[in-house]
Amino acid sequence: MTNRLQNYRNAKNEAIATQAAAAEATSSKDEALAELIDSQKSDLRYAENEVNYNDEKLSGRAKRYSEAPGLVRNLEASRQEANWVFLNWKRPRDGGRVTAYKVQRRLRDQGDWMDVTTALGGQITLTNEPRGEALEYRIVAINVSGEGTPSNTVQVVL
C-alpha cells in the first residue's frame, strides 16, 4: 500500500511541477507577445507620422489579379542552334499581375497557335524544336483572370 501511495505522490508532484512549468512558459510567451505588439504599434505610429496620417500613402501596392495581364514586350530569339532556341522578353507594363507566360508556336503564317510550354520568368530555352521549318513564336502573359495580349512574333528556322 505504501508503494502505491508513494507512486501517487510522485505522479502528483510531477503533475504540479509540469503545471508550474507550463504556467511559467505561458507567462514568458505572453510577455514576448506584449513586447511584439508594442513594437508593432511603435512601427505603425512611426509610419503614420512619416506620412502625416495619410492612409493612401500607407497602402501597399494592391495585387491586381482582377484583370488579365497586358502585352508582353520585346520578344527576341537572341540565340539559336540546330534544334534549340533561346527566347527572352520583357514583362507587361500594364494590366494585372503576371503569374506565368505561355510560349506558343506555329508554322510561319499558317494555322493556329500551339501551346509549347509555360515559363515563370522572362526567358526560356526551347529544346528539341522542329528542324528545317520556318517557325513563329509568341508569348502570352497569364494570371487567374485570363490571358493578356500576345507579344510580337519572332521567326526562326532551326
N, C-alpha and C. Protein backbone atom coordinates (compact mmCIF):
# COMPACT_ATOMS: atom_id res chain seq x y z
N MET A 1 0.82 -1.19 0.00
CA MET A 1 0.00 0.00 0.00
C MET A 1 0.87 1.26 0.00
N THR A 2 1.95 1.28 0.77
CA THR A 2 2.80 2.46 0.81
C THR A 2 3.50 2.70 -0.53
N ASN A 3 3.78 1.62 -1.27
CA ASN A 3 4.40 1.76 -2.58
C ASN A 3 3.43 2.47 -3.54
N ARG A 4 2.16 2.09 -3.51
CA ARG A 4 1.14 2.73 -4.36
C ARG A 4 0.94 4.18 -3.94
N LEU A 5 0.94 4.42 -2.64
CA LEU A 5 0.79 5.78 -2.14
C LEU A 5 1.98 6.65 -2.58
N GLN A 6 3.15 6.08 -2.50
CA GLN A 6 4.35 6.81 -2.93
C GLN A 6 4.30 7.10 -4.44
N ASN A 7 3.86 6.13 -5.24
CA ASN A 7 3.72 6.33 -6.70
C ASN A 7 2.73 7.45 -6.99
N TYR A 8 1.63 7.49 -6.24
CA TYR A 8 0.63 8.54 -6.41
C TYR A 8 1.24 9.89 -6.09
N ARG A 9 1.93 9.99 -4.96
CA ARG A 9 2.54 11.26 -4.56
C ARG A 9 3.56 11.74 -5.61
N ASN A 10 4.37 10.80 -6.11
CA ASN A 10 5.36 11.16 -7.14
C ASN A 10 4.66 11.67 -8.41
N ALA A 11 3.61 10.99 -8.82
CA ALA A 11 2.86 11.41 -10.02
C ALA A 11 2.22 12.77 -9.80
N LYS A 12 1.65 12.98 -8.59
CA LYS A 12 1.03 14.26 -8.28
C LYS A 12 2.06 15.37 -8.28
N ASN A 13 3.22 15.13 -7.69
CA ASN A 13 4.28 16.14 -7.67
C ASN A 13 4.79 16.46 -9.09
N GLU A 14 4.89 15.44 -9.93
CA GLU A 14 5.30 15.66 -11.33
C GLU A 14 4.26 16.50 -12.06
N ALA A 15 2.97 16.23 -11.80
CA ALA A 15 1.90 16.99 -12.44
C ALA A 15 1.95 18.45 -11.99
N ILE A 16 2.18 18.67 -10.70
CA ILE A 16 2.26 20.04 -10.17
C ILE A 16 3.46 20.76 -10.79
N ALA A 17 4.60 20.07 -10.88
CA ALA A 17 5.79 20.68 -11.47
C ALA A 17 5.57 20.99 -12.95
N THR A 18 4.91 20.09 -13.66
CA THR A 18 4.61 20.31 -15.08
C THR A 18 3.68 21.49 -15.27
N GLN A 19 2.66 21.58 -14.39
CA GLN A 19 1.73 22.72 -14.47
C GLN A 19 2.46 24.03 -14.18
N ALA A 20 3.37 24.01 -13.23
CA ALA A 20 4.13 25.22 -12.90
C ALA A 20 5.02 25.62 -14.08
N ALA A 21 5.65 24.64 -14.72
CA ALA A 21 6.50 24.93 -15.88
C ALA A 21 5.65 25.47 -17.03
N ALA A 22 4.47 24.90 -17.23
CA ALA A 22 3.57 25.38 -18.29
C ALA A 22 3.12 26.81 -18.00
N ALA A 23 2.81 27.09 -16.75
CA ALA A 23 2.39 28.44 -16.38
C ALA A 23 3.53 29.44 -16.61
N GLU A 24 4.76 29.04 -16.27
CA GLU A 24 5.90 29.91 -16.49
C GLU A 24 6.15 30.14 -17.98
N ALA A 25 6.05 29.07 -18.78
CA ALA A 25 6.23 29.20 -20.23
C ALA A 25 5.15 30.08 -20.84
N THR A 26 3.92 29.93 -20.37
CA THR A 26 2.82 30.76 -20.86
C THR A 26 3.05 32.22 -20.50
N SER A 27 3.53 32.46 -19.30
CA SER A 27 3.82 33.82 -18.87
C SER A 27 4.93 34.43 -19.74
N SER A 28 5.98 33.67 -20.01
CA SER A 28 7.07 34.16 -20.88
C SER A 28 6.55 34.46 -22.27
N LYS A 29 5.70 33.57 -22.79
CA LYS A 29 5.12 33.77 -24.12
C LYS A 29 4.28 35.03 -24.15
N ASP A 30 3.46 35.23 -23.12
CA ASP A 30 2.60 36.41 -23.06
C ASP A 30 3.43 37.70 -22.99
N GLU A 31 4.53 37.67 -22.24
CA GLU A 31 5.41 38.84 -22.17
C GLU A 31 6.03 39.13 -23.54
N ALA A 32 6.49 38.07 -24.22
CA ALA A 32 7.10 38.25 -25.54
C ALA A 32 6.07 38.78 -26.54
N LEU A 33 4.84 38.30 -26.44
CA LEU A 33 3.77 38.77 -27.32
C LEU A 33 3.47 40.24 -27.06
N ALA A 34 3.43 40.62 -25.79
CA ALA A 34 3.17 42.02 -25.45
C ALA A 34 4.28 42.92 -25.99
N GLU A 35 5.54 42.48 -25.89
CA GLU A 35 6.65 43.25 -26.45
C GLU A 35 6.54 43.37 -27.96
N LEU A 36 6.15 42.28 -28.61
CA LEU A 36 5.98 42.29 -30.07
C LEU A 36 4.87 43.26 -30.47
N ILE A 37 3.77 43.22 -29.77
CA ILE A 37 2.64 44.12 -30.07
C ILE A 37 3.06 45.57 -29.88
N ASP A 38 3.76 45.86 -28.78
CA ASP A 38 4.23 47.23 -28.55
C ASP A 38 5.18 47.67 -29.66
N SER A 39 6.06 46.78 -30.08
CA SER A 39 7.00 47.10 -31.15
C SER A 39 6.26 47.38 -32.46
N GLN A 40 5.26 46.56 -32.77
CA GLN A 40 4.48 46.76 -34.00
C GLN A 40 3.71 48.07 -33.94
N LYS A 41 3.14 48.36 -32.78
CA LYS A 41 2.42 49.63 -32.63
C LYS A 41 3.36 50.80 -32.82
N SER A 42 4.57 50.68 -32.28
CA SER A 42 5.56 51.74 -32.44
C SER A 42 5.91 51.92 -33.91
N ASP A 43 6.11 50.82 -34.63
CA ASP A 43 6.41 50.90 -36.06
C ASP A 43 5.27 51.55 -36.83
N LEU A 44 4.04 51.20 -36.48
CA LEU A 44 2.88 51.78 -37.16
C LEU A 44 2.78 53.28 -36.87
N ARG A 45 3.00 53.65 -35.61
CA ARG A 45 2.97 55.08 -35.27
C ARG A 45 4.04 55.84 -36.05
N TYR A 46 5.23 55.24 -36.15
CA TYR A 46 6.30 55.88 -36.92
C TYR A 46 5.87 56.07 -38.37
N ALA A 47 5.30 55.02 -38.97
CA ALA A 47 4.86 55.10 -40.37
C ALA A 47 3.76 56.15 -40.53
N GLU A 48 2.83 56.17 -39.59
CA GLU A 48 1.75 57.17 -39.67
C GLU A 48 2.30 58.58 -39.55
N ASN A 49 3.26 58.78 -38.66
CA ASN A 49 3.87 60.10 -38.51
C ASN A 49 4.63 60.50 -39.78
N GLU A 50 5.29 59.54 -40.41
CA GLU A 50 6.06 59.84 -41.61
C GLU A 50 5.17 60.32 -42.75
N VAL A 51 3.94 59.80 -42.83
CA VAL A 51 3.04 60.19 -43.93
C VAL A 51 1.95 61.13 -43.45
N ASN A 52 2.11 61.67 -42.25
CA ASN A 52 1.16 62.62 -41.69
C ASN A 52 -0.26 62.05 -41.67
N TYR A 53 -0.38 60.80 -41.29
CA TYR A 53 -1.66 60.10 -41.14
C TYR A 53 -2.47 60.04 -42.44
N ASN A 54 -1.79 60.06 -43.58
CA ASN A 54 -2.45 59.92 -44.87
C ASN A 54 -2.47 58.44 -45.22
N ASP A 55 -3.62 57.79 -45.03
CA ASP A 55 -3.73 56.34 -45.22
C ASP A 55 -3.40 55.92 -46.65
N GLU A 56 -3.67 56.77 -47.62
CA GLU A 56 -3.38 56.40 -49.01
C GLU A 56 -1.88 56.18 -49.22
N LYS A 57 -1.06 56.94 -48.52
CA LYS A 57 0.38 56.77 -48.64
C LYS A 57 0.86 55.50 -47.95
N LEU A 58 0.09 55.00 -47.00
CA LEU A 58 0.47 53.79 -46.27
C LEU A 58 0.06 52.52 -47.00
N SER A 59 -0.91 52.61 -47.87
CA SER A 59 -1.40 51.39 -48.50
C SER A 59 -0.34 50.83 -49.43
N GLY A 60 -0.18 49.51 -49.36
CA GLY A 60 0.75 48.83 -50.24
C GLY A 60 0.18 48.75 -51.64
N ARG A 61 1.01 48.34 -52.55
CA ARG A 61 0.55 48.17 -53.92
C ARG A 61 -0.36 46.96 -53.98
N ALA A 62 -1.54 47.15 -54.45
CA ALA A 62 -2.51 46.06 -54.50
C ALA A 62 -2.12 45.04 -55.55
N LYS A 63 -2.35 43.78 -55.24
CA LYS A 63 -2.19 42.74 -56.24
C LYS A 63 -3.33 42.88 -57.22
N ARG A 64 -2.99 42.96 -58.47
CA ARG A 64 -4.01 43.23 -59.46
C ARG A 64 -4.33 41.96 -60.25
N TYR A 65 -4.90 40.98 -59.60
CA TYR A 65 -5.31 39.77 -60.29
C TYR A 65 -6.70 39.93 -60.90
N SER A 66 -7.39 41.03 -60.61
CA SER A 66 -8.75 41.19 -61.07
C SER A 66 -8.82 41.48 -62.57
N GLU A 67 -7.67 41.72 -63.18
CA GLU A 67 -7.66 41.95 -64.61
C GLU A 67 -6.54 41.12 -65.24
N ALA A 68 -6.74 40.77 -66.50
CA ALA A 68 -5.73 40.00 -67.23
C ALA A 68 -4.48 40.85 -67.43
N PRO A 69 -3.32 40.21 -67.60
CA PRO A 69 -2.09 40.97 -67.84
C PRO A 69 -2.15 41.71 -69.17
N GLY A 70 -1.23 42.64 -69.34
CA GLY A 70 -1.15 43.39 -70.59
C GLY A 70 -0.27 42.69 -71.61
N LEU A 71 0.23 43.46 -72.53
CA LEU A 71 1.03 42.98 -73.66
C LEU A 71 2.47 42.69 -73.23
N VAL A 72 2.94 41.46 -73.51
CA VAL A 72 4.34 41.12 -73.29
C VAL A 72 5.16 41.90 -74.32
N ARG A 73 6.29 42.45 -73.88
CA ARG A 73 7.05 43.37 -74.74
C ARG A 73 8.38 42.77 -75.19
N ASN A 74 8.80 43.19 -76.35
CA ASN A 74 10.16 42.96 -76.86
C ASN A 74 10.60 41.50 -76.90
N LEU A 75 9.78 40.63 -77.43
CA LEU A 75 10.19 39.23 -77.59
C LEU A 75 11.31 39.16 -78.61
N GLU A 76 12.37 38.42 -78.26
CA GLU A 76 13.51 38.21 -79.15
C GLU A 76 13.93 36.76 -79.11
N ALA A 77 14.39 36.26 -80.25
CA ALA A 77 15.06 34.96 -80.31
C ALA A 77 16.54 35.28 -80.41
N SER A 78 17.17 35.49 -79.28
CA SER A 78 18.52 36.05 -79.26
C SER A 78 19.62 35.03 -79.57
N ARG A 79 19.35 33.74 -79.36
CA ARG A 79 20.34 32.70 -79.67
C ARG A 79 19.61 31.47 -80.18
N GLN A 80 20.25 30.77 -81.10
CA GLN A 80 19.66 29.52 -81.59
C GLN A 80 20.74 28.64 -82.17
N GLU A 81 20.47 27.36 -82.18
CA GLU A 81 21.35 26.36 -82.79
C GLU A 81 20.48 25.40 -83.58
N ALA A 82 21.02 24.21 -83.86
CA ALA A 82 20.34 23.26 -84.74
C ALA A 82 18.95 22.85 -84.26
N ASN A 83 18.76 22.63 -82.97
CA ASN A 83 17.44 22.18 -82.51
C ASN A 83 16.96 22.91 -81.25
N TRP A 84 17.52 24.06 -80.97
CA TRP A 84 17.06 24.83 -79.80
C TRP A 84 17.08 26.31 -80.12
N VAL A 85 16.26 27.03 -79.36
CA VAL A 85 16.18 28.48 -79.49
C VAL A 85 16.01 29.08 -78.10
N PHE A 86 16.69 30.20 -77.87
CA PHE A 86 16.58 30.93 -76.60
C PHE A 86 15.71 32.15 -76.85
N LEU A 87 14.59 32.23 -76.13
CA LEU A 87 13.67 33.37 -76.24
C LEU A 87 13.76 34.21 -74.97
N ASN A 88 13.74 35.52 -75.13
CA ASN A 88 13.66 36.40 -73.96
C ASN A 88 12.72 37.55 -74.28
N TRP A 89 12.11 38.11 -73.21
CA TRP A 89 11.10 39.16 -73.37
C TRP A 89 11.02 39.98 -72.10
N LYS A 90 10.24 41.05 -72.18
CA LYS A 90 10.02 41.93 -71.02
C LYS A 90 8.56 41.82 -70.59
N ARG A 91 8.36 41.94 -69.30
CA ARG A 91 7.01 41.80 -68.75
C ARG A 91 6.12 42.96 -69.19
N PRO A 92 4.81 42.76 -69.12
CA PRO A 92 3.89 43.84 -69.50
C PRO A 92 4.02 45.04 -68.56
N ARG A 93 3.79 46.22 -69.09
CA ARG A 93 3.81 47.43 -68.27
C ARG A 93 2.46 47.67 -67.61
N ASP A 94 1.40 47.16 -68.19
CA ASP A 94 0.07 47.43 -67.66
C ASP A 94 -0.70 46.12 -67.49
N GLY A 95 -1.92 46.25 -67.01
CA GLY A 95 -2.75 45.08 -66.78
C GLY A 95 -2.48 44.46 -65.43
N GLY A 96 -3.06 43.29 -65.21
CA GLY A 96 -2.92 42.58 -63.95
C GLY A 96 -1.55 41.96 -63.78
N ARG A 97 -1.29 41.52 -62.58
CA ARG A 97 -0.02 40.90 -62.24
C ARG A 97 0.13 39.56 -62.96
N VAL A 98 1.30 39.31 -63.51
CA VAL A 98 1.57 38.09 -64.28
C VAL A 98 1.94 36.95 -63.33
N THR A 99 1.34 35.77 -63.54
CA THR A 99 1.75 34.60 -62.76
C THR A 99 2.60 33.65 -63.58
N ALA A 100 2.45 33.66 -64.90
CA ALA A 100 3.24 32.80 -65.78
C ALA A 100 3.12 33.31 -67.21
N TYR A 101 3.91 32.70 -68.08
CA TYR A 101 3.89 33.05 -69.50
C TYR A 101 3.69 31.79 -70.33
N LYS A 102 2.76 31.83 -71.28
CA LYS A 102 2.59 30.73 -72.22
C LYS A 102 3.46 31.00 -73.43
N VAL A 103 4.22 29.98 -73.82
CA VAL A 103 5.03 30.06 -75.03
C VAL A 103 4.25 29.33 -76.12
N GLN A 104 4.01 30.01 -77.23
CA GLN A 104 3.23 29.43 -78.32
C GLN A 104 4.06 29.41 -79.60
N ARG A 105 3.72 28.42 -80.48
CA ARG A 105 4.46 28.23 -81.72
C ARG A 105 3.49 27.86 -82.83
N ARG A 106 3.87 28.20 -84.07
CA ARG A 106 3.14 27.74 -85.25
C ARG A 106 4.08 27.79 -86.44
N LEU A 107 3.69 27.10 -87.52
CA LEU A 107 4.42 27.23 -88.76
C LEU A 107 4.22 28.65 -89.27
N ARG A 108 5.23 29.22 -89.88
CA ARG A 108 5.19 30.63 -90.30
C ARG A 108 3.94 30.93 -91.12
N ASP A 109 3.16 31.91 -90.63
CA ASP A 109 1.95 32.40 -91.30
C ASP A 109 0.91 31.33 -91.57
N GLN A 110 0.92 30.25 -90.81
CA GLN A 110 -0.04 29.18 -91.06
C GLN A 110 -0.64 28.69 -89.75
N GLY A 111 -1.91 28.40 -89.80
CA GLY A 111 -2.58 27.66 -88.75
C GLY A 111 -2.70 28.35 -87.41
N ASP A 112 -3.24 27.59 -86.49
CA ASP A 112 -3.47 28.06 -85.14
C ASP A 112 -2.19 27.98 -84.32
N TRP A 113 -2.15 28.80 -83.30
CA TRP A 113 -1.03 28.78 -82.38
C TRP A 113 -1.15 27.57 -81.47
N MET A 114 -0.02 26.92 -81.20
CA MET A 114 0.03 25.75 -80.33
C MET A 114 0.81 26.12 -79.07
N ASP A 115 0.27 25.76 -77.90
CA ASP A 115 0.99 25.98 -76.65
C ASP A 115 2.16 25.00 -76.59
N VAL A 116 3.37 25.54 -76.38
CA VAL A 116 4.57 24.72 -76.33
C VAL A 116 4.93 24.39 -74.89
N THR A 117 4.95 25.42 -74.04
CA THR A 117 5.31 25.24 -72.64
C THR A 117 4.90 26.49 -71.86
N THR A 118 5.20 26.47 -70.58
CA THR A 118 4.92 27.62 -69.71
C THR A 118 6.23 28.04 -69.05
N ALA A 119 6.43 29.34 -68.94
CA ALA A 119 7.63 29.88 -68.29
C ALA A 119 7.21 30.77 -67.13
N LEU A 120 8.05 30.84 -66.12
CA LEU A 120 7.75 31.69 -64.96
C LEU A 120 8.43 33.04 -65.03
N GLY A 121 9.49 33.15 -65.83
CA GLY A 121 10.21 34.41 -65.93
C GLY A 121 10.27 34.89 -67.36
N GLY A 122 11.17 35.82 -67.63
CA GLY A 122 11.24 36.48 -68.93
C GLY A 122 12.18 35.84 -69.93
N GLN A 123 12.43 34.55 -69.79
CA GLN A 123 13.29 33.87 -70.75
C GLN A 123 13.07 32.37 -70.68
N ILE A 124 13.40 31.70 -71.77
CA ILE A 124 13.30 30.24 -71.80
C ILE A 124 14.12 29.71 -72.96
N THR A 125 14.70 28.53 -72.78
CA THR A 125 15.37 27.83 -73.86
C THR A 125 14.48 26.66 -74.26
N LEU A 126 14.07 26.64 -75.51
CA LEU A 126 13.24 25.55 -76.03
C LEU A 126 14.15 24.58 -76.76
N THR A 127 14.14 23.32 -76.35
CA THR A 127 14.99 22.31 -76.96
C THR A 127 14.14 21.33 -77.76
N ASN A 128 14.81 20.58 -78.62
CA ASN A 128 14.16 19.57 -79.47
C ASN A 128 13.04 20.18 -80.31
N GLU A 129 13.27 21.36 -80.82
CA GLU A 129 12.30 22.02 -81.69
C GLU A 129 12.45 21.47 -83.11
N PRO A 130 11.38 21.53 -83.91
CA PRO A 130 11.44 21.00 -85.28
C PRO A 130 12.54 21.70 -86.10
N ARG A 131 13.29 20.90 -86.86
CA ARG A 131 14.39 21.43 -87.67
C ARG A 131 13.94 21.62 -89.11
N GLY A 132 14.51 22.62 -89.75
CA GLY A 132 14.28 22.83 -91.16
C GLY A 132 12.94 23.44 -91.51
N GLU A 133 12.19 23.91 -90.54
CA GLU A 133 10.90 24.53 -90.80
C GLU A 133 10.92 25.97 -90.30
N ALA A 134 10.22 26.83 -91.02
CA ALA A 134 10.09 28.22 -90.60
C ALA A 134 9.02 28.30 -89.52
N LEU A 135 9.43 28.67 -88.32
CA LEU A 135 8.52 28.71 -87.17
C LEU A 135 8.35 30.13 -86.67
N GLU A 136 7.21 30.38 -86.08
CA GLU A 136 6.95 31.64 -85.39
C GLU A 136 6.66 31.34 -83.93
N TYR A 137 7.17 32.20 -83.06
CA TYR A 137 6.93 32.07 -81.63
C TYR A 137 6.32 33.37 -81.12
N ARG A 138 5.53 33.24 -80.08
CA ARG A 138 5.00 34.41 -79.37
C ARG A 138 4.79 34.02 -77.92
N ILE A 139 4.64 35.03 -77.06
CA ILE A 139 4.48 34.84 -75.62
C ILE A 139 3.18 35.50 -75.19
N VAL A 140 2.45 34.82 -74.29
CA VAL A 140 1.21 35.36 -73.74
C VAL A 140 1.32 35.34 -72.22
N ALA A 141 1.19 36.48 -71.58
CA ALA A 141 1.19 36.57 -70.12
C ALA A 141 -0.16 36.08 -69.60
N ILE A 142 -0.14 35.34 -68.49
CA ILE A 142 -1.39 34.81 -67.93
C ILE A 142 -1.43 35.02 -66.42
N ASN A 143 -2.66 35.07 -65.90
CA ASN A 143 -2.91 35.04 -64.46
C ASN A 143 -4.30 34.44 -64.25
N VAL A 144 -4.80 34.45 -63.03
CA VAL A 144 -6.08 33.81 -62.74
C VAL A 144 -7.25 34.48 -63.45
N SER A 145 -7.08 35.72 -63.87
CA SER A 145 -8.16 36.43 -64.57
C SER A 145 -8.17 36.15 -66.07
N GLY A 146 -7.10 35.59 -66.59
CA GLY A 146 -7.09 35.26 -68.01
C GLY A 146 -5.76 35.52 -68.67
N GLU A 147 -5.83 35.65 -69.99
CA GLU A 147 -4.64 35.84 -70.81
C GLU A 147 -4.52 37.29 -71.26
N GLY A 148 -3.29 37.74 -71.37
CA GLY A 148 -3.04 39.07 -71.90
C GLY A 148 -2.96 39.04 -73.42
N THR A 149 -2.65 40.17 -73.99
CA THR A 149 -2.48 40.28 -75.44
C THR A 149 -1.18 39.59 -75.84
N PRO A 150 -1.19 38.76 -76.89
CA PRO A 150 0.04 38.09 -77.32
C PRO A 150 1.12 39.09 -77.71
N SER A 151 2.36 38.70 -77.50
CA SER A 151 3.51 39.54 -77.83
C SER A 151 3.70 39.62 -79.34
N ASN A 152 4.71 40.39 -79.73
CA ASN A 152 5.15 40.35 -81.12
C ASN A 152 5.62 38.93 -81.42
N THR A 153 5.70 38.58 -82.69
CA THR A 153 6.19 37.25 -83.05
C THR A 153 7.64 37.34 -83.50
N VAL A 154 8.36 36.25 -83.30
CA VAL A 154 9.71 36.13 -83.84
C VAL A 154 9.71 34.92 -84.76
N GLN A 155 10.46 35.03 -85.85
CA GLN A 155 10.53 33.96 -86.83
C GLN A 155 11.89 33.30 -86.75
N VAL A 156 11.87 31.97 -86.77
CA VAL A 156 13.09 31.19 -86.58
C VAL A 156 13.07 30.02 -87.55
N VAL A 157 14.23 29.70 -88.13
CA VAL A 157 14.42 28.46 -88.88
C VAL A 157 15.59 27.76 -88.21
N LEU A 158 15.34 26.60 -87.63
CA LEU A 158 16.40 25.87 -86.92
C LEU A 158 17.05 24.85 -87.83
